[in-house]
Each structure stands twice: as structure tokens, then as C-alpha cells.
Amino acid sequence: MLTSKQRSFLMSLAANLVPVVQIGKAGVSPETVDSVLEAYHTRELLKINVLKTSPDEPILAADKIAKRTHSQIVKVIGRKIILYKQDPQEPKIILPR
């Protein structure tokens, strides 16, 4: 569970991120989850864009993806989702306590 200080820190890092994955009219499909898991191979913090054609609301899509990928929701802002998953072997982001 992330503290408010950690969330704030991750939000500041995510400000300059470009969305890596887009959720379209298929919603949160197995392919979407696979794309998110693949993106976690190179980074710990992801920004995801939920398109207007998506049948899933952004908060529901964030919840589905977080559960399926064992990651944490940092924030949902409009149609953007920010997720965090620490690399178990080599953490790249050191969270404040």
C-alpha cells in the first residue's frame, strides 16, 4: 500500500511520462494485460490512456489491470491511469518512507 507521500513522489515522476498502453473498444482484454506486463519489464511506473471508445470506465479499468498484474494504482486522472509495480530484483525507483 502506498502512502500519500509515496503517491505524491510517483505522481511527480509520472508527470513527464508518455502513455505506453492504450485501452480501446476491446476494454481490458488479455492482450491489454499482456502489454502492461511486457511494459513492466523495462519500467516500474506506467501511464495508460483509456480511450473514449472503451466500454470500461477508467477507474474500473485501473482496478482490473492492477489486480491482474499485481501492481498498485497511483492515481486515475480523467482518462489517464498511473500504475506502479516495484521490480523484485532491481528496484529502479526508491520510494520515500
Protein backbone atom coordinates (compact mmCIF):
# COMPACT_ATOMS: atom_id res chain seq x y z
CA MET A 1 0.00 0.00 0.00
CA LEU A 2 1.36 3.39 -0.99
CA THR A 3 1.42 6.30 1.44
CA SER A 4 0.34 9.78 0.36
CA LYS A 5 4.00 10.88 0.33
CA GLN A 6 4.93 7.97 -1.96
CA ARG A 7 1.94 8.69 -4.22
CA SER A 8 2.97 12.32 -4.49
CA PHE A 9 6.54 11.31 -5.34
CA LEU A 10 5.35 8.87 -8.04
CA MET A 11 2.96 11.48 -9.46
CA SER A 12 5.86 13.91 -9.87
CA LEU A 13 7.81 11.24 -11.77
CA ALA A 14 4.79 10.37 -13.91
CA ALA A 15 4.17 13.97 -14.98
CA ASN A 16 6.58 13.65 -17.91
CA LEU A 17 5.67 10.10 -18.91
CA VAL A 18 4.03 9.32 -22.22
CA PRO A 19 1.19 6.75 -22.13
CA VAL A 20 2.66 3.34 -23.00
CA VAL A 21 -0.58 1.37 -23.37
CA GLN A 22 -3.99 2.41 -24.69
CA ILE A 23 -7.26 0.76 -23.76
CA GLY A 24 -9.68 0.90 -26.67
CA LYS A 25 -13.01 -0.59 -27.67
CA ALA A 26 -11.97 -4.09 -26.54
CA GLY A 27 -11.68 -2.84 -22.96
CA VAL A 28 -9.31 -4.58 -20.57
CA SER A 29 -8.60 -7.66 -22.66
CA PRO A 30 -5.96 -10.34 -22.08
CA GLU A 31 -3.89 -8.63 -24.79
CA THR A 32 -4.03 -5.35 -22.87
CA VAL A 33 -2.87 -7.08 -19.69
CA ASP A 34 -0.06 -8.76 -21.65
CA SER A 35 1.02 -5.34 -22.99
CA VAL A 36 1.10 -3.93 -19.46
CA LEU A 37 3.10 -6.89 -18.16
CA GLU A 38 5.54 -6.52 -21.05
CA ALA A 39 5.93 -2.81 -20.29
CA TYR A 40 6.81 -3.67 -16.68
CA HIS A 41 9.91 -5.49 -17.96
CA THR A 42 11.58 -2.14 -18.69
CA ARG A 43 9.93 0.25 -16.22
CA GLU A 44 8.20 0.35 -12.86
CA LEU A 45 5.89 3.32 -13.43
CA LEU A 46 3.35 3.25 -16.26
CA LYS A 47 0.90 5.73 -17.69
CA ILE A 48 -2.06 4.22 -19.52
CA ASN A 49 -4.57 6.05 -21.70
CA VAL A 50 -8.24 4.95 -21.69
CA LEU A 51 -9.81 5.94 -25.00
CA LYS A 52 -13.38 7.27 -25.20
CA THR A 53 -14.37 4.16 -27.17
CA SER A 54 -13.51 1.90 -24.23
CA PRO A 55 -16.50 0.21 -22.58
CA ASP A 56 -14.68 0.37 -19.22
CA GLU A 57 -14.62 3.45 -17.03
CA PRO A 58 -11.02 4.49 -16.23
CA ILE A 59 -11.27 3.65 -12.51
CA LEU A 60 -12.70 0.19 -13.27
CA ALA A 61 -10.06 -0.43 -15.94
CA ALA A 62 -7.34 0.60 -13.47
CA ASP A 63 -8.71 -1.78 -10.85
CA LYS A 64 -8.87 -4.70 -13.32
CA ILE A 65 -5.33 -4.13 -14.59
CA ALA A 66 -3.90 -3.63 -11.09
CA LYS A 67 -5.42 -6.90 -9.87
CA ARG A 68 -4.31 -8.90 -12.92
CA THR A 69 -0.75 -7.53 -12.92
CA HIS A 70 -0.30 -7.32 -9.12
CA SER A 71 0.51 -3.61 -9.36
CA GLN A 72 -0.70 -0.58 -7.41
CA ILE A 73 -2.86 2.27 -8.62
CA VAL A 74 -1.06 5.55 -8.05
CA LYS A 75 -3.80 7.79 -9.45
CA VAL A 76 -6.54 7.96 -12.06
CA ILE A 77 -6.79 11.42 -13.61
CA GLY A 78 -9.52 11.81 -16.19
CA ARG A 79 -8.83 9.09 -18.76
CA LYS A 80 -5.21 8.52 -17.68
CA ILE A 81 -4.15 5.76 -15.29
CA ILE A 82 -0.84 5.72 -13.44
CA LEU A 83 0.30 2.34 -12.11
CA TYR A 84 3.35 1.29 -10.11
CA LYS A 85 4.93 -2.12 -9.70
CA GLN A 86 8.30 -2.45 -8.00
CA ASP A 87 10.84 -4.68 -9.72
CA PRO A 88 11.53 -7.50 -7.22
CA GLN A 89 15.17 -7.98 -8.34
CA GLU A 90 16.36 -4.48 -9.26
CA PRO A 91 14.16 -1.64 -7.99
CA LYS A 92 14.77 1.44 -10.15
CA ILE A 93 12.59 3.83 -8.16
CA ILE A 94 13.42 4.30 -4.49
CA LEU A 95 10.25 5.36 -2.68
CA PRO A 96 10.38 7.81 0.23
CA ARG A 97 9.31 6.43 3.60
